[in-house]
């Protein structure tokens, strides 16, 4: 798919992996200031040769960054590194190719743009967001799966922790009207607005989980049947992970882990 420009310094290539969890597919981001040859790639996506060839052709690629290690974001990273010679930087050492990792507060300055790393754990323990500053003053934040372009995300228990996720949302809320460039789905106008929506949604879900347990639900699956009755059953396995994270957050017991 041809890159689509969505910001003065960001274009997106949609990976061909649509599904209930990935929406239209994974967004692979190409970041560069106008007039720059090199680019920064965020989340190469799945190991799909045609997709990775399209991304490589948009280069030269200076560096490859990962928001987190889930395969729909990271699986193609090693192959893209082979195609381009670019290093892969990530929080989790298992996904790095090169000498440098990534951590909270790091700054990546390449291709005429600056990316400030925010640790935003919760969806996974290794989830990062990147605050993009372009030469024209425009800002955006690349959120991986911490904030999606449509719907809400799963807290992937036990690696994902709801308390950490809520704190990450509060951190992203502080970005105010900064544009959101998510890992799946369309871009959003305001990190502050969508983070506040996510926080309200999580508070409502927690109350529903409390009520389900009080009404006699014993297992996470029973909680899902009550709380997520209006959600596509294809998403119930992911909802079960979130329920486990919610029960852990509430200190409730709901069967074996």
C-alpha atoms as a PDB file:
ATOM      1  CA  UNK A   1       0.000   0.000   0.000  1.00  0.00           C
ATOM      2  CA  UNK A   2       1.256   3.503  -0.862  1.00  0.00           C
ATOM      3  CA  UNK A   3       2.246   5.674   2.115  1.00  0.00           C
ATOM      4  CA  UNK A   4      -0.456   8.171   3.126  1.00  0.00           C
ATOM      5  CA  UNK A   5       0.689  11.537   4.507  1.00  0.00           C
ATOM      6  CA  UNK A   6      -1.282  12.444   7.658  1.00  0.00           C
ATOM      7  CA  UNK A   7       0.989  15.043   9.305  1.00  0.00           C
ATOM      8  CA  UNK A   8       3.715  17.378   8.103  1.00  0.00           C
ATOM      9  CA  UNK A   9       6.318  14.853   9.274  1.00  0.00           C
ATOM     10  CA  UNK A  10       4.410  11.543   9.333  1.00  0.00           C
ATOM     11  CA  UNK A  11       3.085   9.155   6.709  1.00  0.00           C
ATOM     12  CA  UNK A  12       1.474   5.768   7.309  1.00  0.00           C
ATOM     13  CA  UNK A  13       1.651   2.457   5.450  1.00  0.00           C
ATOM     14  CA  UNK A  14      -1.162   0.082   6.389  1.00  0.00           C
ATOM     15  CA  UNK A  15      -0.042  -3.515   6.858  1.00  0.00           C
ATOM     16  CA  UNK A  16      -2.219  -6.236   5.277  1.00  0.00           C
ATOM     17  CA  UNK A  17      -3.222  -7.871   8.581  1.00  0.00           C
ATOM     18  CA  UNK A  18      -6.798  -6.771   9.322  1.00  0.00           C
ATOM     19  CA  UNK A  19      -8.708  -8.521  12.093  1.00  0.00           C
ATOM     20  CA  UNK A  20     -10.767  -8.078  15.257  1.00  0.00           C
ATOM     21  CA  UNK A  21      -7.691  -7.057  17.263  1.00  0.00           C
ATOM     22  CA  UNK A  22      -5.841  -5.135  14.536  1.00  0.00           C
ATOM     23  CA  UNK A  23      -8.802  -3.240  12.987  1.00  0.00           C
ATOM     24  CA  UNK A  24      -7.860  -2.393   9.374  1.00  0.00           C
ATOM     25  CA  UNK A  25      -4.294  -3.564  10.039  1.00  0.00           C
ATOM     26  CA  UNK A  26      -1.132  -2.346  11.739  1.00  0.00           C
ATOM     27  CA  UNK A  27      -0.092   1.241  11.064  1.00  0.00           C
ATOM     28  CA  UNK A  28       3.582   1.417  10.104  1.00  0.00           C
ATOM     29  CA  UNK A  29       4.720   5.016  10.532  1.00  0.00           C
ATOM     30  CA  UNK A  30       7.317   6.796   8.369  1.00  0.00           C
ATOM     31  CA  UNK A  31       8.635   9.946  10.034  1.00  0.00           C
ATOM     32  CA  UNK A  32      10.704  12.650   8.324  1.00  0.00           C
ATOM     33  CA  UNK A  33      10.748  16.425   8.037  1.00  0.00           C
ATOM     34  CA  UNK A  34       9.873  17.873   4.604  1.00  0.00           C
ATOM     35  CA  UNK A  35      12.886  17.727   2.320  1.00  0.00           C
ATOM     36  CA  UNK A  36      14.703  15.019   4.278  1.00  0.00           C
ATOM     37  CA  UNK A  37      15.820  11.828   2.515  1.00  0.00           C
ATOM     38  CA  UNK A  38      16.105   9.539   5.538  1.00  0.00           C
ATOM     39  CA  UNK A  39      13.143   8.421   7.605  1.00  0.00           C
ATOM     40  CA  UNK A  40      12.411   6.859  10.973  1.00  0.00           C
ATOM     41  CA  UNK A  41      10.171   3.767  10.888  1.00  0.00           C
ATOM     42  CA  UNK A  42       7.912   3.027  13.853  1.00  0.00           C
ATOM     43  CA  UNK A  43       6.393  -0.488  14.083  1.00  0.00           C
ATOM     44  CA  UNK A  44       7.288  -2.369  10.880  1.00  0.00           C
ATOM     45  CA  UNK A  45       4.333  -4.686  11.474  1.00  0.00           C
ATOM     46  CA  UNK A  46       4.042  -8.356  10.475  1.00  0.00           C
ATOM     47  CA  UNK A  47       6.563 -10.365   8.487  1.00  0.00           C
ATOM     48  CA  UNK A  48       4.977  -9.681   5.099  1.00  0.00           C
ATOM     49  CA  UNK A  49       7.484  -9.221   2.277  1.00  0.00           C
ATOM     50  CA  UNK A  50       5.366  -6.907   0.122  1.00  0.00           C
ATOM     51  CA  UNK A  51       4.600  -4.605   3.045  1.00  0.00           C
ATOM     52  CA  UNK A  52       8.220  -4.488   4.206  1.00  0.00           C
ATOM     53  CA  UNK A  53       9.419  -3.841   0.642  1.00  0.00           C
ATOM     54  CA  UNK A  54       7.071  -0.846   0.445  1.00  0.00           C
ATOM     55  CA  UNK A  55       8.428   0.486   3.741  1.00  0.00           C
ATOM     56  CA  UNK A  56      12.048  -0.058   2.686  1.00  0.00           C
ATOM     57  CA  UNK A  57      11.420   1.694  -0.637  1.00  0.00           C
ATOM     58  CA  UNK A  58      10.237   4.792   1.243  1.00  0.00           C
ATOM     59  CA  UNK A  59      13.712   5.083   2.821  1.00  0.00           C
ATOM     60  CA  UNK A  60      16.618   5.321   3.293  1.00  0.00           C
ATOM     61  CA  UNK A  61      15.624   4.118   6.781  1.00  0.00           C
ATOM     62  CA  UNK A  62      17.784   5.617   9.529  1.00  0.00           C
ATOM     63  CA  UNK A  63      16.378   3.703  12.499  1.00  0.00           C
ATOM     64  CA  UNK A  64      13.501   1.357  13.336  1.00  0.00           C
ATOM     65  CA  UNK A  65      11.600   1.934  16.603  1.00  0.00           C
ATOM     66  CA  UNK A  66       9.107  -0.378  18.312  1.00  0.00           C
ATOM     67  CA  UNK A  67       6.241   0.747  20.517  1.00  0.00           C
ATOM     68  CA  UNK A  68       6.121  -2.776  22.000  1.00  0.00           C
ATOM     69  CA  UNK A  69       6.907  -6.368  21.184  1.00  0.00           C
ATOM     70  CA  UNK A  70       3.562  -7.834  20.061  1.00  0.00           C
ATOM     71  CA  UNK A  71       4.106  -9.592  16.751  1.00  0.00           C
ATOM     72  CA  UNK A  72       1.656  -7.498  14.759  1.00  0.00           C
ATOM     73  CA  UNK A  73       4.006  -4.554  15.460  1.00  0.00           C
ATOM     74  CA  UNK A  74       7.435  -6.158  15.702  1.00  0.00           C
ATOM     75  CA  UNK A  75       7.585  -9.375  13.671  1.00  0.00           C
ATOM     76  CA  UNK A  76       8.862  -7.666  10.521  1.00  0.00           C
ATOM     77  CA  UNK A  77      11.556  -5.633  12.290  1.00  0.00           C
ATOM     78  CA  UNK A  78      14.450  -8.044  11.764  1.00  0.00           C
ATOM     79  CA  UNK A  79      13.639  -8.465   8.080  1.00  0.00           C
ATOM     80  CA  UNK A  80      13.320  -4.698   7.579  1.00  0.00           C
ATOM     81  CA  UNK A  81      16.699  -4.307   9.257  1.00  0.00           C
ATOM     82  CA  UNK A  82      18.116  -6.790   6.731  1.00  0.00           C
ATOM     83  CA  UNK A  83      16.596  -4.851   3.848  1.00  0.00           C
ATOM     84  CA  UNK A  84      17.757  -1.422   5.032  1.00  0.00           C
ATOM     85  CA  UNK A  85      20.720  -1.875   7.363  1.00  0.00           C
ATOM     86  CA  UNK A  86      18.912   0.166  10.024  1.00  0.00           C
ATOM     87  CA  UNK A  87      19.156  -0.742  13.722  1.00  0.00           C
ATOM     88  CA  UNK A  88      16.072  -1.736  15.722  1.00  0.00           C
ATOM     89  CA  UNK A  89      15.518   0.050  19.029  1.00  0.00           C
ATOM     90  CA  UNK A  90      13.005  -1.110  21.657  1.00  0.00           C
ATOM     91  CA  UNK A  91      12.542  -1.188  25.408  1.00  0.00           C
ATOM     92  CA  UNK A  92      12.714  -5.005  25.549  1.00  0.00           C
ATOM     93  CA  UNK A  93      16.257  -6.238  24.774  1.00  0.00           C
ATOM     94  CA  UNK A  94      14.761  -9.290  23.051  1.00  0.00           C
ATOM     95  CA  UNK A  95      13.574  -7.065  20.204  1.00  0.00           C
ATOM     96  CA  UNK A  96      16.679  -4.917  19.740  1.00  0.00           C
ATOM     97  CA  UNK A  97      19.092  -5.197  16.827  1.00  0.00           C
ATOM     98  CA  UNK A  98      22.039  -2.911  17.507  1.00  0.00           C
ATOM     99  CA  UNK A  99      23.688  -1.334  20.507  1.00  0.00           C
ATOM    100  CA  UNK A 100      20.984   1.005  21.736  1.00  0.00           C
ATOM    101  CA  UNK A 101      17.720   0.372  23.526  1.00  0.00           C
ATOM    102  CA  UNK A 102      14.982   2.843  24.359  1.00  0.00           C
ATOM    103  CA  UNK A 103      13.815   4.155  27.698  1.00  0.00           C
ATOM    104  CA  UNK A 104      11.674   6.849  29.235  1.00  0.00           C
ATOM    105  CA  UNK A 105      13.026  10.319  28.526  1.00  0.00           C
ATOM    106  CA  UNK A 106      15.289   9.269  25.659  1.00  0.00           C
ATOM    107  CA  UNK A 107      15.321  11.531  22.609  1.00  0.00           C
ATOM    108  CA  UNK A 108      15.752  10.225  19.074  1.00  0.00           C
ATOM    109  CA  UNK A 109      16.710  12.988  16.646  1.00  0.00           C
ATOM    110  CA  UNK A 110      16.844  11.721  13.070  1.00  0.00           C
ATOM    111  CA  UNK A 111      15.424  12.613   9.661  1.00  0.00           C
ATOM    112  CA  UNK A 112      14.877  16.220  10.751  1.00  0.00           C
ATOM    113  CA  UNK A 113      12.455  15.320  13.549  1.00  0.00           C
ATOM    114  CA  UNK A 114      12.706  14.795  17.279  1.00  0.00           C
ATOM    115  CA  UNK A 115      11.056  11.932  19.131  1.00  0.00           C
ATOM    116  CA  UNK A 116      10.795  11.997  22.929  1.00  0.00           C
ATOM    117  CA  UNK A 117      10.206   8.582  24.484  1.00  0.00           C
ATOM    118  CA  UNK A 118       7.418   8.164  27.041  1.00  0.00           C
ATOM    119  CA  UNK A 119       7.158   4.930  28.996  1.00  0.00           C
ATOM    120  CA  UNK A 120       3.455   4.056  28.808  1.00  0.00           C
ATOM    121  CA  UNK A 121       3.153   0.524  30.246  1.00  0.00           C
ATOM    122  CA  UNK A 122      -0.163  -1.192  30.857  1.00  0.00           C
ATOM    123  CA  UNK A 123      -1.188  -2.731  27.552  1.00  0.00           C
ATOM    124  CA  UNK A 124       2.158  -4.530  27.908  1.00  0.00           C
ATOM    125  CA  UNK A 125       5.033  -3.952  30.297  1.00  0.00           C
ATOM    126  CA  UNK A 126       7.271  -2.767  27.430  1.00  0.00           C
ATOM    127  CA  UNK A 127       4.823  -0.296  25.821  1.00  0.00           C
ATOM    128  CA  UNK A 128       6.308   3.033  24.751  1.00  0.00           C
ATOM    129  CA  UNK A 129       4.858   6.151  23.152  1.00  0.00           C
ATOM    130  CA  UNK A 130       6.827   8.656  21.072  1.00  0.00           C
ATOM    131  CA  UNK A 131       6.146  12.399  21.105  1.00  0.00           C
ATOM    132  CA  UNK A 132       6.996  13.733  17.644  1.00  0.00           C
ATOM    133  CA  UNK A 133       8.144  17.328  17.185  1.00  0.00           C
ATOM    134  CA  UNK A 134       8.440  18.596  13.617  1.00  0.00           C
ATOM    135  CA  UNK A 135      10.400  21.671  12.441  1.00  0.00           C
ATOM    136  CA  UNK A 136       7.152  23.547  11.712  1.00  0.00           C
ATOM    137  CA  UNK A 137       6.098  23.230  15.351  1.00  0.00           C
ATOM    138  CA  UNK A 138       3.500  20.524  14.789  1.00  0.00           C
ATOM    139  CA  UNK A 139       3.414  17.757  17.399  1.00  0.00           C
ATOM    140  CA  UNK A 140       1.963  14.285  17.453  1.00  0.00           C
ATOM    141  CA  UNK A 141       2.212  11.248  19.708  1.00  0.00           C
ATOM    142  CA  UNK A 142       2.634   7.706  18.418  1.00  0.00           C
ATOM    143  CA  UNK A 143       0.834   5.485  20.907  1.00  0.00           C
ATOM    144  CA  UNK A 144       1.117   1.919  19.590  1.00  0.00           C
ATOM    145  CA  UNK A 145      -1.717  -0.003  21.263  1.00  0.00           C
ATOM    146  CA  UNK A 146      -1.942   2.221  24.347  1.00  0.00           C
ATOM    147  CA  UNK A 147      -4.484   4.384  22.508  1.00  0.00           C
ATOM    148  CA  UNK A 148      -6.175   3.066  19.360  1.00  0.00           C
ATOM    149  CA  UNK A 149      -7.782   5.030  16.578  1.00  0.00           C
ATOM    150  CA  UNK A 150     -11.102   3.327  17.257  1.00  0.00           C
ATOM    151  CA  UNK A 151     -12.431   1.426  20.250  1.00  0.00           C
ATOM    152  CA  UNK A 152     -10.381   0.650  23.346  1.00  0.00           C
ATOM    153  CA  UNK A 153      -7.390  -1.572  23.952  1.00  0.00           C
ATOM    154  CA  UNK A 154      -6.788  -4.727  25.958  1.00  0.00           C
ATOM    155  CA  UNK A 155      -4.722  -4.821  29.140  1.00  0.00           C
ATOM    156  CA  UNK A 156      -2.805  -8.000  28.320  1.00  0.00           C
ATOM    157  CA  UNK A 157      -2.712  -9.630  31.784  1.00  0.00           C
ATOM    158  CA  UNK A 158      -0.428 -10.737  33.367  1.00  0.00           C
ATOM    159  CA  UNK A 159       2.202  -8.761  31.450  1.00  0.00           C
ATOM    160  CA  UNK A 160      -0.177  -5.808  31.266  1.00  0.00           C
ATOM    161  CA  UNK A 161      -1.158  -4.173  34.563  1.00  0.00           C
ATOM    162  CA  UNK A 162      -4.256  -1.989  34.856  1.00  0.00           C
ATOM    163  CA  UNK A 163      -2.793   0.370  37.458  1.00  0.00           C
ATOM    164  CA  UNK A 164       0.158   1.062  35.158  1.00  0.00           C
ATOM    165  CA  UNK A 165      -2.198   1.546  32.224  1.00  0.00           C
ATOM    166  CA  UNK A 166      -4.311   4.113  34.060  1.00  0.00           C
ATOM    167  CA  UNK A 167      -1.176   6.053  34.989  1.00  0.00           C
ATOM    168  CA  UNK A 168      -0.038   5.944  31.336  1.00  0.00           C
ATOM    169  CA  UNK A 169      -3.388   7.365  30.234  1.00  0.00           C
ATOM    170  CA  UNK A 170      -3.034  10.185  32.762  1.00  0.00           C
ATOM    171  CA  UNK A 171       0.396  10.910  31.335  1.00  0.00           C
ATOM    172  CA  UNK A 172      -0.929  11.018  27.775  1.00  0.00           C
ATOM    173  CA  UNK A 173      -3.825  13.203  28.884  1.00  0.00           C
ATOM    174  CA  UNK A 174      -1.289  15.894  29.766  1.00  0.00           C
ATOM    175  CA  UNK A 175      -0.411  16.193  26.051  1.00  0.00           C
ATOM    176  CA  UNK A 176      -3.705  18.017  25.461  1.00  0.00           C
ATOM    177  CA  UNK A 177      -4.471  18.745  21.807  1.00  0.00           C
ATOM    178  CA  UNK A 178      -1.502  16.768  20.481  1.00  0.00           C
ATOM    179  CA  UNK A 179      -2.509  14.622  17.489  1.00  0.00           C
ATOM    180  CA  UNK A 180      -2.604  10.863  18.146  1.00  0.00           C
ATOM    181  CA  UNK A 181      -0.976   8.545  15.592  1.00  0.00           C
ATOM    182  CA  UNK A 182      -2.109   5.098  16.827  1.00  0.00           C
ATOM    183  CA  UNK A 183      -0.897   1.597  16.085  1.00  0.00           C
ATOM    184  CA  UNK A 184      -4.278   0.677  14.593  1.00  0.00           C
ATOM    185  CA  UNK A 185      -7.129   2.747  13.216  1.00  0.00           C
ATOM    186  CA  UNK A 186      -7.325   6.400  12.140  1.00  0.00           C
ATOM    187  CA  UNK A 187      -5.407   9.311  13.588  1.00  0.00           C
ATOM    188  CA  UNK A 188      -7.159  11.323  16.325  1.00  0.00           C
ATOM    189  CA  UNK A 189      -7.191  15.056  16.962  1.00  0.00           C
ATOM    190  CA  UNK A 190      -6.485  15.242  20.700  1.00  0.00           C
ATOM    191  CA  UNK A 191      -4.520  12.977  23.023  1.00  0.00           C
ATOM    192  CA  UNK A 192      -6.083  14.736  26.006  1.00  0.00           C
ATOM    193  CA  UNK A 193      -9.659  14.141  24.888  1.00  0.00           C
ATOM    194  CA  UNK A 194      -9.204  10.474  23.983  1.00  0.00           C
ATOM    195  CA  UNK A 195      -7.168   9.693  27.117  1.00  0.00           C
ATOM    196  CA  UNK A 196      -9.942  11.199  29.249  1.00  0.00           C
ATOM    197  CA  UNK A 197     -12.484   9.055  27.366  1.00  0.00           C
ATOM    198  CA  UNK A 198     -10.373   5.945  28.017  1.00  0.00           C
ATOM    199  CA  UNK A 199     -10.109   6.789  31.723  1.00  0.00           C
ATOM    200  CA  UNK A 200     -13.889   7.182  32.017  1.00  0.00           C
ATOM    201  CA  UNK A 201     -14.405   3.913  30.127  1.00  0.00           C
ATOM    202  CA  UNK A 202     -12.035   2.035  32.437  1.00  0.00           C
ATOM    203  CA  UNK A 203     -13.741   3.452  35.527  1.00  0.00           C
ATOM    204  CA  UNK A 204     -17.125   2.315  34.191  1.00  0.00           C
ATOM    205  CA  UNK A 205     -15.809  -1.162  33.375  1.00  0.00           C
ATOM    206  CA  UNK A 206     -14.305  -1.505  36.837  1.00  0.00           C
ATOM    207  CA  UNK A 207     -17.666  -0.694  38.383  1.00  0.00           C
ATOM    208  CA  UNK A 208     -19.359  -3.262  36.127  1.00  0.00           C
ATOM    209  CA  UNK A 209     -16.808  -5.892  37.178  1.00  0.00           C
ATOM    210  CA  UNK A 210     -17.455  -5.091  40.852  1.00  0.00           C
ATOM    211  CA  UNK A 211     -21.183  -5.537  40.265  1.00  0.00           C
ATOM    212  CA  UNK A 212     -20.694  -8.826  38.393  1.00  0.00           C
ATOM    213  CA  UNK A 213     -18.574 -10.269  41.215  1.00  0.00           C
ATOM    214  CA  UNK A 214     -21.105  -9.070  43.796  1.00  0.00           C
ATOM    215  CA  UNK A 215     -23.841 -10.783  41.767  1.00  0.00           C
ATOM    216  CA  UNK A 216     -22.012 -14.114  41.958  1.00  0.00           C
ATOM    217  CA  UNK A 217     -19.606 -14.279  39.008  1.00  0.00           C
ATOM    218  CA  UNK A 218     -16.763 -16.570  40.058  1.00  0.00           C
ATOM    219  CA  UNK A 219     -14.483 -16.888  37.029  1.00  0.00           C
ATOM    220  CA  UNK A 220     -13.176 -14.253  34.615  1.00  0.00           C
ATOM    221  CA  UNK A 221     -15.191 -15.929  31.864  1.00  0.00           C
ATOM    222  CA  UNK A 222     -18.397 -15.457  33.859  1.00  0.00           C
ATOM    223  CA  UNK A 223     -17.550 -11.797  34.357  1.00  0.00           C
ATOM    224  CA  UNK A 224     -16.979 -11.419  30.606  1.00  0.00           C
ATOM    225  CA  UNK A 225     -20.372 -12.985  29.856  1.00  0.00           C
ATOM    226  CA  UNK A 226     -22.050 -10.314  31.972  1.00  0.00           C
ATOM    227  CA  UNK A 227     -19.903  -7.229  31.417  1.00  0.00           C
ATOM    228  CA  UNK A 228     -19.018  -7.747  27.744  1.00  0.00           C
ATOM    229  CA  UNK A 229     -22.338  -9.199  26.582  1.00  0.00           C
ATOM    230  CA  UNK A 230     -22.659  -6.435  23.961  1.00  0.00           C
ATOM    231  CA  UNK A 231     -19.150  -7.032  22.563  1.00  0.00           C
ATOM    232  CA  UNK A 232     -18.376  -9.262  19.556  1.00  0.00           C
ATOM    233  CA  UNK A 233     -17.581 -12.753  20.887  1.00  0.00           C
ATOM    234  CA  UNK A 234     -14.436 -12.778  18.761  1.00  0.00           C
ATOM    235  CA  UNK A 235     -13.074 -10.229  21.237  1.00  0.00           C
ATOM    236  CA  UNK A 236     -14.015 -12.196  24.370  1.00  0.00           C
ATOM    237  CA  UNK A 237     -10.576 -13.861  24.742  1.00  0.00           C
ATOM    238  CA  UNK A 238      -8.989 -10.397  24.820  1.00  0.00           C
ATOM    239  CA  UNK A 239     -11.748  -9.178  27.139  1.00  0.00           C
ATOM    240  CA  UNK A 240     -10.913 -12.065  29.491  1.00  0.00           C
ATOM    241  CA  UNK A 241      -7.340 -10.780  29.752  1.00  0.00           C
ATOM    242  CA  UNK A 242      -8.643  -7.321  30.607  1.00  0.00           C
ATOM    243  CA  UNK A 243     -11.044  -8.771  33.184  1.00  0.00           C
ATOM    244  CA  UNK A 244      -8.181 -10.634  34.850  1.00  0.00           C
ATOM    245  CA  UNK A 245      -6.280  -7.339  34.994  1.00  0.00           C
ATOM    246  CA  UNK A 246      -9.367  -5.592  36.421  1.00  0.00           C
ATOM    247  CA  UNK A 247      -9.884  -8.267  39.067  1.00  0.00           C
ATOM    248  CA  UNK A 248      -6.226  -8.077  40.013  1.00  0.00           C
ATOM    249  CA  UNK A 249      -6.548  -4.295  40.266  1.00  0.00           C
ATOM    250  CA  UNK A 250      -9.591  -4.618  42.491  1.00  0.00           C
ATOM    251  CA  UNK A 251      -7.959  -7.284  44.640  1.00  0.00           C
ATOM    252  CA  UNK A 252     -10.783  -9.683  43.784  1.00  0.00           C
ATOM    253  CA  UNK A 253     -10.462 -13.454  43.396  1.00  0.00           C
ATOM    254  CA  UNK A 254     -11.922 -15.105  40.331  1.00  0.00           C
ATOM    255  CA  UNK A 255     -10.521 -18.582  39.967  1.00  0.00           C
ATOM    256  CA  UNK A 256      -7.067 -19.778  38.941  1.00  0.00           C
ATOM    257  CA  UNK A 257      -4.758 -17.348  37.077  1.00  0.00           C
END
